[in-house]
């Protein structure tokens, strides 16, 4: 039996457990943010998920698994952002993506509390 595809609802269940994470509906797109900084954004058809990711590493990520990841649209290339096809990942990969994206924008002391990382 193959694993069930990841859905926006799966993403939502995890994101709503993270400190200071808030869901917002912006132009018919679900976004998750900490304060005013967006760390996840679903496409309007909920098949793609944009997420915070270091600019300097994204081309390598996309090249390593182009069936899963893609560069953001040209207008978003200036941001720390990359896009994943939800149907191409499993729940464990989704969990890693969401937690790492949240950690990029959350205060370091919260990241240390949730992930157990050294905040320095």
N, C-alpha and C. Protein backbone atom coordinates (compact mmCIF):
# COMPACT_ATOMS: atom_id res chain seq x y z
N UNK A 1 0.85 -1.18 0.00
CA UNK A 1 0.00 0.00 0.00
C UNK A 1 0.90 1.25 0.00
N UNK A 2 0.69 2.14 -0.95
CA UNK A 2 1.50 3.35 -1.02
C UNK A 2 1.00 4.38 0.00
N UNK A 3 1.90 5.24 0.47
CA UNK A 3 1.50 6.23 1.46
C UNK A 3 0.49 7.22 0.88
N UNK A 4 -0.36 7.73 1.73
CA UNK A 4 -1.35 8.71 1.31
C UNK A 4 -0.64 10.01 0.94
N UNK A 5 -1.11 10.69 -0.10
CA UNK A 5 -0.49 11.97 -0.45
C UNK A 5 -0.70 13.00 0.66
N UNK A 6 0.26 13.87 0.79
CA UNK A 6 0.17 14.95 1.78
C UNK A 6 -0.83 15.99 1.27
N UNK A 7 -1.64 16.50 2.18
CA UNK A 7 -2.64 17.51 1.84
C UNK A 7 -2.37 18.79 2.63
N UNK A 8 -3.05 19.84 2.25
CA UNK A 8 -2.95 21.09 2.99
C UNK A 8 -3.44 20.89 4.42
N UNK A 9 -4.40 20.03 4.62
CA UNK A 9 -4.90 19.76 5.97
C UNK A 9 -3.79 19.15 6.84
N UNK A 10 -2.96 18.29 6.28
CA UNK A 10 -1.82 17.73 7.02
C UNK A 10 -0.85 18.85 7.43
N UNK A 11 -0.59 19.75 6.50
CA UNK A 11 0.29 20.89 6.77
C UNK A 11 -0.32 21.74 7.88
N UNK A 12 -1.59 22.01 7.77
CA UNK A 12 -2.31 22.84 8.75
C UNK A 12 -2.22 22.22 10.15
N UNK A 13 -2.43 20.92 10.25
CA UNK A 13 -2.39 20.25 11.56
C UNK A 13 -1.06 20.46 12.25
N UNK A 14 0.02 20.42 11.51
CA UNK A 14 1.34 20.64 12.10
C UNK A 14 1.58 22.13 12.36
N UNK A 15 1.30 22.97 11.39
CA UNK A 15 1.59 24.40 11.52
C UNK A 15 0.85 25.04 12.69
N UNK A 16 -0.37 24.58 12.95
CA UNK A 16 -1.13 25.20 14.04
C UNK A 16 -0.58 24.83 15.42
N UNK A 17 0.30 23.84 15.50
CA UNK A 17 0.90 23.48 16.79
C UNK A 17 2.16 24.29 17.09
N UNK A 18 2.67 25.02 16.12
CA UNK A 18 3.92 25.75 16.29
C UNK A 18 3.68 27.11 16.95
N UNK A 19 4.50 27.46 17.94
CA UNK A 19 4.33 28.74 18.63
C UNK A 19 4.36 29.93 17.67
N UNK A 20 3.43 30.84 17.87
CA UNK A 20 3.28 32.09 17.11
C UNK A 20 2.89 31.89 15.65
N UNK A 21 2.64 30.67 15.24
CA UNK A 21 2.21 30.42 13.86
C UNK A 21 0.74 30.80 13.73
N UNK A 22 0.44 31.54 12.67
CA UNK A 22 -0.93 31.96 12.41
C UNK A 22 -1.29 31.65 10.97
N UNK A 23 -2.51 31.21 10.77
CA UNK A 23 -3.02 30.97 9.42
C UNK A 23 -3.75 32.21 8.93
N UNK A 24 -3.58 32.52 7.65
CA UNK A 24 -4.27 33.65 7.05
C UNK A 24 -4.72 33.27 5.65
N UNK A 25 -5.81 33.84 5.22
CA UNK A 25 -6.28 33.67 3.85
C UNK A 25 -6.01 34.97 3.12
N UNK A 26 -5.12 34.91 2.12
CA UNK A 26 -4.72 36.10 1.37
C UNK A 26 -4.96 35.83 -0.10
N UNK A 27 -5.87 36.58 -0.71
CA UNK A 27 -6.21 36.40 -2.13
C UNK A 27 -6.50 34.93 -2.45
N UNK A 28 -7.35 34.32 -1.67
CA UNK A 28 -7.77 32.92 -1.85
C UNK A 28 -6.64 31.91 -1.70
N UNK A 29 -5.57 32.30 -1.03
CA UNK A 29 -4.46 31.37 -0.77
C UNK A 29 -4.22 31.28 0.73
N UNK A 30 -4.07 30.06 1.22
CA UNK A 30 -3.78 29.84 2.63
C UNK A 30 -2.29 30.08 2.86
N UNK A 31 -2.00 30.91 3.86
CA UNK A 31 -0.62 31.20 4.22
C UNK A 31 -0.45 31.03 5.71
N UNK A 32 0.73 30.66 6.11
CA UNK A 32 1.07 30.55 7.52
C UNK A 32 2.23 31.49 7.78
N UNK A 33 2.14 32.20 8.89
CA UNK A 33 3.18 33.19 9.17
C UNK A 33 3.45 33.28 10.66
N UNK A 34 4.59 33.85 10.97
CA UNK A 34 4.95 34.22 12.32
C UNK A 34 5.07 35.74 12.27
N UNK A 35 4.23 36.42 13.03
CA UNK A 35 4.16 37.87 12.90
C UNK A 35 3.70 38.21 11.50
N UNK A 36 4.45 39.03 10.80
CA UNK A 36 4.11 39.39 9.42
C UNK A 36 4.89 38.59 8.38
N UNK A 37 5.76 37.69 8.84
CA UNK A 37 6.62 36.95 7.91
C UNK A 37 5.99 35.61 7.55
N UNK A 38 5.72 35.44 6.27
CA UNK A 38 5.12 34.20 5.77
C UNK A 38 6.20 33.14 5.64
N UNK A 39 5.90 31.94 6.16
CA UNK A 39 6.85 30.84 6.02
C UNK A 39 6.29 29.68 5.21
N UNK A 40 5.00 29.65 4.99
CA UNK A 40 4.35 28.65 4.12
C UNK A 40 3.23 29.33 3.35
N UNK A 41 3.04 28.94 2.09
CA UNK A 41 1.94 29.48 1.29
C UNK A 41 1.49 28.41 0.31
N UNK A 42 0.22 28.05 0.38
CA UNK A 42 -0.34 27.03 -0.52
C UNK A 42 -0.83 27.69 -1.80
N UNK A 43 -0.73 26.96 -2.90
CA UNK A 43 -1.31 27.44 -4.15
C UNK A 43 -2.84 27.43 -4.00
N UNK A 44 -3.53 28.16 -4.82
CA UNK A 44 -5.00 28.22 -4.70
C UNK A 44 -5.66 26.87 -4.91
N UNK A 45 -5.02 25.96 -5.67
CA UNK A 45 -5.58 24.62 -5.86
C UNK A 45 -5.05 23.62 -4.82
N UNK A 46 -4.23 24.11 -3.90
CA UNK A 46 -3.68 23.34 -2.78
C UNK A 46 -2.80 22.16 -3.19
N UNK A 47 -2.20 22.23 -4.37
CA UNK A 47 -1.30 21.16 -4.82
C UNK A 47 0.17 21.51 -4.60
N UNK A 48 0.47 22.79 -4.48
CA UNK A 48 1.83 23.26 -4.29
C UNK A 48 1.94 23.99 -2.96
N UNK A 49 3.13 23.91 -2.35
CA UNK A 49 3.37 24.61 -1.11
C UNK A 49 4.70 25.34 -1.22
N UNK A 50 4.63 26.67 -1.18
CA UNK A 50 5.84 27.47 -1.12
C UNK A 50 6.29 27.51 0.33
N UNK A 51 7.61 27.52 0.54
CA UNK A 51 8.09 27.54 1.92
C UNK A 51 9.42 28.28 2.03
N UNK A 52 9.65 28.83 3.22
CA UNK A 52 10.89 29.55 3.49
C UNK A 52 12.05 28.57 3.38
N UNK A 53 13.07 28.99 2.63
CA UNK A 53 14.23 28.14 2.39
C UNK A 53 15.38 29.04 1.96
N UNK A 54 16.60 28.77 2.41
CA UNK A 54 17.73 29.64 2.06
C UNK A 54 17.93 29.77 0.54
N UNK A 55 18.00 31.00 0.08
CA UNK A 55 18.20 31.27 -1.36
C UNK A 55 19.42 30.55 -1.91
N UNK A 56 20.51 30.58 -1.13
CA UNK A 56 21.77 30.04 -1.63
C UNK A 56 21.77 28.51 -1.76
N UNK A 57 20.75 27.84 -1.22
CA UNK A 57 20.69 26.38 -1.29
C UNK A 57 19.57 25.87 -2.21
N UNK A 58 18.71 26.74 -2.67
CA UNK A 58 17.50 26.25 -3.36
C UNK A 58 17.78 25.63 -4.73
N UNK A 59 18.73 26.16 -5.49
CA UNK A 59 19.00 25.57 -6.80
C UNK A 59 19.52 24.14 -6.65
N UNK A 60 20.32 23.91 -5.62
CA UNK A 60 20.81 22.56 -5.37
C UNK A 60 19.66 21.63 -4.97
N UNK A 61 18.75 22.12 -4.14
CA UNK A 61 17.59 21.32 -3.74
C UNK A 61 16.73 20.95 -4.95
N UNK A 62 16.42 21.93 -5.78
CA UNK A 62 15.59 21.69 -6.97
C UNK A 62 16.29 20.73 -7.92
N UNK A 63 17.59 20.90 -8.14
CA UNK A 63 18.34 20.03 -9.05
C UNK A 63 18.41 18.60 -8.51
N UNK A 64 18.44 18.45 -7.19
CA UNK A 64 18.56 17.11 -6.61
C UNK A 64 17.27 16.30 -6.72
N UNK A 65 16.12 16.97 -6.69
CA UNK A 65 14.83 16.27 -6.77
C UNK A 65 13.81 17.12 -7.53
N UNK A 66 14.01 17.29 -8.85
CA UNK A 66 13.11 18.17 -9.62
C UNK A 66 11.67 17.66 -9.70
N UNK A 67 11.45 16.39 -9.41
CA UNK A 67 10.08 15.87 -9.40
C UNK A 67 9.32 16.34 -8.16
N UNK A 68 10.06 16.79 -7.15
CA UNK A 68 9.43 17.27 -5.91
C UNK A 68 9.46 18.78 -5.78
N UNK A 69 10.59 19.37 -6.09
CA UNK A 69 10.81 20.79 -5.80
C UNK A 69 10.95 21.61 -7.07
N UNK A 70 10.57 22.88 -6.97
CA UNK A 70 10.75 23.81 -8.08
C UNK A 70 11.07 25.19 -7.54
N UNK A 71 11.71 25.97 -8.38
CA UNK A 71 12.01 27.35 -8.01
C UNK A 71 10.71 28.14 -7.95
N UNK A 72 10.70 29.19 -7.15
CA UNK A 72 9.50 30.03 -7.11
C UNK A 72 9.36 30.81 -8.42
N UNK A 73 8.20 31.39 -8.60
CA UNK A 73 8.01 32.21 -9.81
C UNK A 73 9.03 33.35 -9.79
N UNK A 74 9.30 33.90 -10.94
CA UNK A 74 10.36 34.90 -11.10
C UNK A 74 10.24 36.06 -10.11
N UNK A 75 9.03 36.52 -9.87
CA UNK A 75 8.83 37.66 -8.96
C UNK A 75 9.22 37.32 -7.51
N UNK A 76 9.27 36.04 -7.17
CA UNK A 76 9.60 35.63 -5.81
C UNK A 76 11.03 35.14 -5.65
N UNK A 77 11.83 35.22 -6.70
CA UNK A 77 13.21 34.74 -6.63
C UNK A 77 14.06 35.56 -5.65
N UNK A 78 13.66 36.77 -5.34
CA UNK A 78 14.43 37.59 -4.41
C UNK A 78 14.26 37.16 -2.96
N UNK A 79 13.27 36.31 -2.70
CA UNK A 79 12.99 35.86 -1.34
C UNK A 79 13.66 34.51 -1.05
N UNK A 80 13.77 34.21 0.24
CA UNK A 80 14.22 32.89 0.69
C UNK A 80 13.03 31.95 0.54
N UNK A 81 12.86 31.37 -0.65
CA UNK A 81 11.63 30.67 -0.98
C UNK A 81 11.87 29.57 -2.00
N UNK A 82 11.17 28.47 -1.87
CA UNK A 82 11.17 27.38 -2.84
C UNK A 82 9.78 26.75 -2.78
N UNK A 83 9.45 25.90 -3.75
CA UNK A 83 8.11 25.32 -3.85
C UNK A 83 8.21 23.80 -3.92
N UNK A 84 7.28 23.12 -3.25
CA UNK A 84 7.22 21.66 -3.28
C UNK A 84 5.85 21.21 -3.78
N UNK A 85 5.85 20.10 -4.52
CA UNK A 85 4.59 19.48 -4.95
C UNK A 85 4.13 18.58 -3.81
N UNK A 86 3.00 18.88 -3.19
CA UNK A 86 2.55 18.13 -2.03
C UNK A 86 2.36 16.64 -2.32
N UNK A 87 1.89 16.31 -3.49
CA UNK A 87 1.65 14.90 -3.82
C UNK A 87 2.95 14.10 -3.95
N UNK A 88 4.08 14.79 -4.06
CA UNK A 88 5.36 14.11 -4.26
C UNK A 88 6.12 13.83 -2.97
N UNK A 89 5.58 14.28 -1.84
CA UNK A 89 6.29 14.07 -0.57
C UNK A 89 5.43 13.24 0.38
N UNK A 90 6.12 12.66 1.37
CA UNK A 90 5.39 11.92 2.40
C UNK A 90 5.28 12.80 3.64
N UNK A 91 4.61 12.28 4.63
CA UNK A 91 4.35 13.08 5.84
C UNK A 91 5.63 13.44 6.59
N UNK A 92 6.61 12.56 6.58
CA UNK A 92 7.86 12.87 7.26
C UNK A 92 8.60 14.02 6.55
N UNK A 93 8.61 13.99 5.22
CA UNK A 93 9.24 15.10 4.47
C UNK A 93 8.46 16.40 4.71
N UNK A 94 7.14 16.31 4.75
CA UNK A 94 6.33 17.50 5.02
C UNK A 94 6.67 18.07 6.38
N UNK A 95 6.80 17.20 7.36
CA UNK A 95 7.12 17.65 8.72
C UNK A 95 8.46 18.38 8.74
N UNK A 96 9.45 17.83 8.07
CA UNK A 96 10.78 18.45 8.01
C UNK A 96 10.71 19.82 7.32
N UNK A 97 9.99 19.90 6.21
CA UNK A 97 9.84 21.16 5.47
C UNK A 97 9.18 22.22 6.34
N UNK A 98 8.06 21.86 6.96
CA UNK A 98 7.31 22.83 7.77
C UNK A 98 8.15 23.31 8.95
N UNK A 99 8.77 22.38 9.67
CA UNK A 99 9.56 22.78 10.84
C UNK A 99 10.76 23.65 10.46
N UNK A 100 11.45 23.30 9.38
CA UNK A 100 12.60 24.10 8.97
C UNK A 100 12.18 25.48 8.46
N UNK A 101 11.06 25.55 7.75
CA UNK A 101 10.57 26.85 7.28
C UNK A 101 10.17 27.72 8.46
N UNK A 102 9.45 27.13 9.41
CA UNK A 102 9.05 27.88 10.61
C UNK A 102 10.29 28.37 11.36
N UNK A 103 11.30 27.51 11.49
CA UNK A 103 12.52 27.87 12.22
C UNK A 103 13.26 29.04 11.58
N UNK A 104 13.09 29.23 10.28
CA UNK A 104 13.75 30.36 9.60
C UNK A 104 13.16 31.70 10.03
N UNK A 105 11.90 31.72 10.47
CA UNK A 105 11.24 33.00 10.75
C UNK A 105 10.88 33.19 12.22
N UNK A 106 10.88 32.12 12.99
CA UNK A 106 10.49 32.21 14.40
C UNK A 106 11.67 32.73 15.24
N UNK A 107 11.36 33.35 16.38
CA UNK A 107 12.45 33.77 17.28
C UNK A 107 13.28 32.57 17.71
N UNK A 108 14.59 32.79 17.80
CA UNK A 108 15.53 31.69 18.07
C UNK A 108 15.22 30.96 19.38
N UNK A 109 14.76 31.69 20.41
CA UNK A 109 14.47 31.01 21.67
C UNK A 109 13.30 30.05 21.51
N UNK A 110 12.33 30.37 20.66
CA UNK A 110 11.22 29.46 20.41
C UNK A 110 11.69 28.25 19.62
N UNK A 111 12.54 28.48 18.64
CA UNK A 111 13.09 27.38 17.85
C UNK A 111 13.82 26.42 18.78
N UNK A 112 14.61 26.95 19.70
CA UNK A 112 15.36 26.11 20.64
C UNK A 112 14.40 25.31 21.52
N UNK A 113 13.31 25.93 21.93
CA UNK A 113 12.33 25.25 22.78
C UNK A 113 11.65 24.11 22.03
N UNK A 114 11.26 24.37 20.79
CA UNK A 114 10.52 23.37 20.01
C UNK A 114 11.42 22.30 19.43
N UNK A 115 12.54 22.71 18.85
CA UNK A 115 13.41 21.77 18.15
C UNK A 115 14.59 21.29 18.98
N UNK A 116 14.80 21.94 20.13
CA UNK A 116 15.92 21.54 20.96
C UNK A 116 17.27 21.99 20.44
N UNK A 117 17.26 22.97 19.54
CA UNK A 117 18.52 23.49 18.97
C UNK A 117 19.14 24.51 19.92
N UNK A 118 20.43 24.66 19.79
CA UNK A 118 21.13 25.71 20.53
C UNK A 118 20.76 27.04 19.87
N UNK A 119 20.20 27.99 20.63
CA UNK A 119 19.75 29.24 20.03
C UNK A 119 20.85 30.17 19.55
N UNK A 120 22.10 29.90 19.87
CA UNK A 120 23.16 30.84 19.48
C UNK A 120 23.56 30.74 18.05
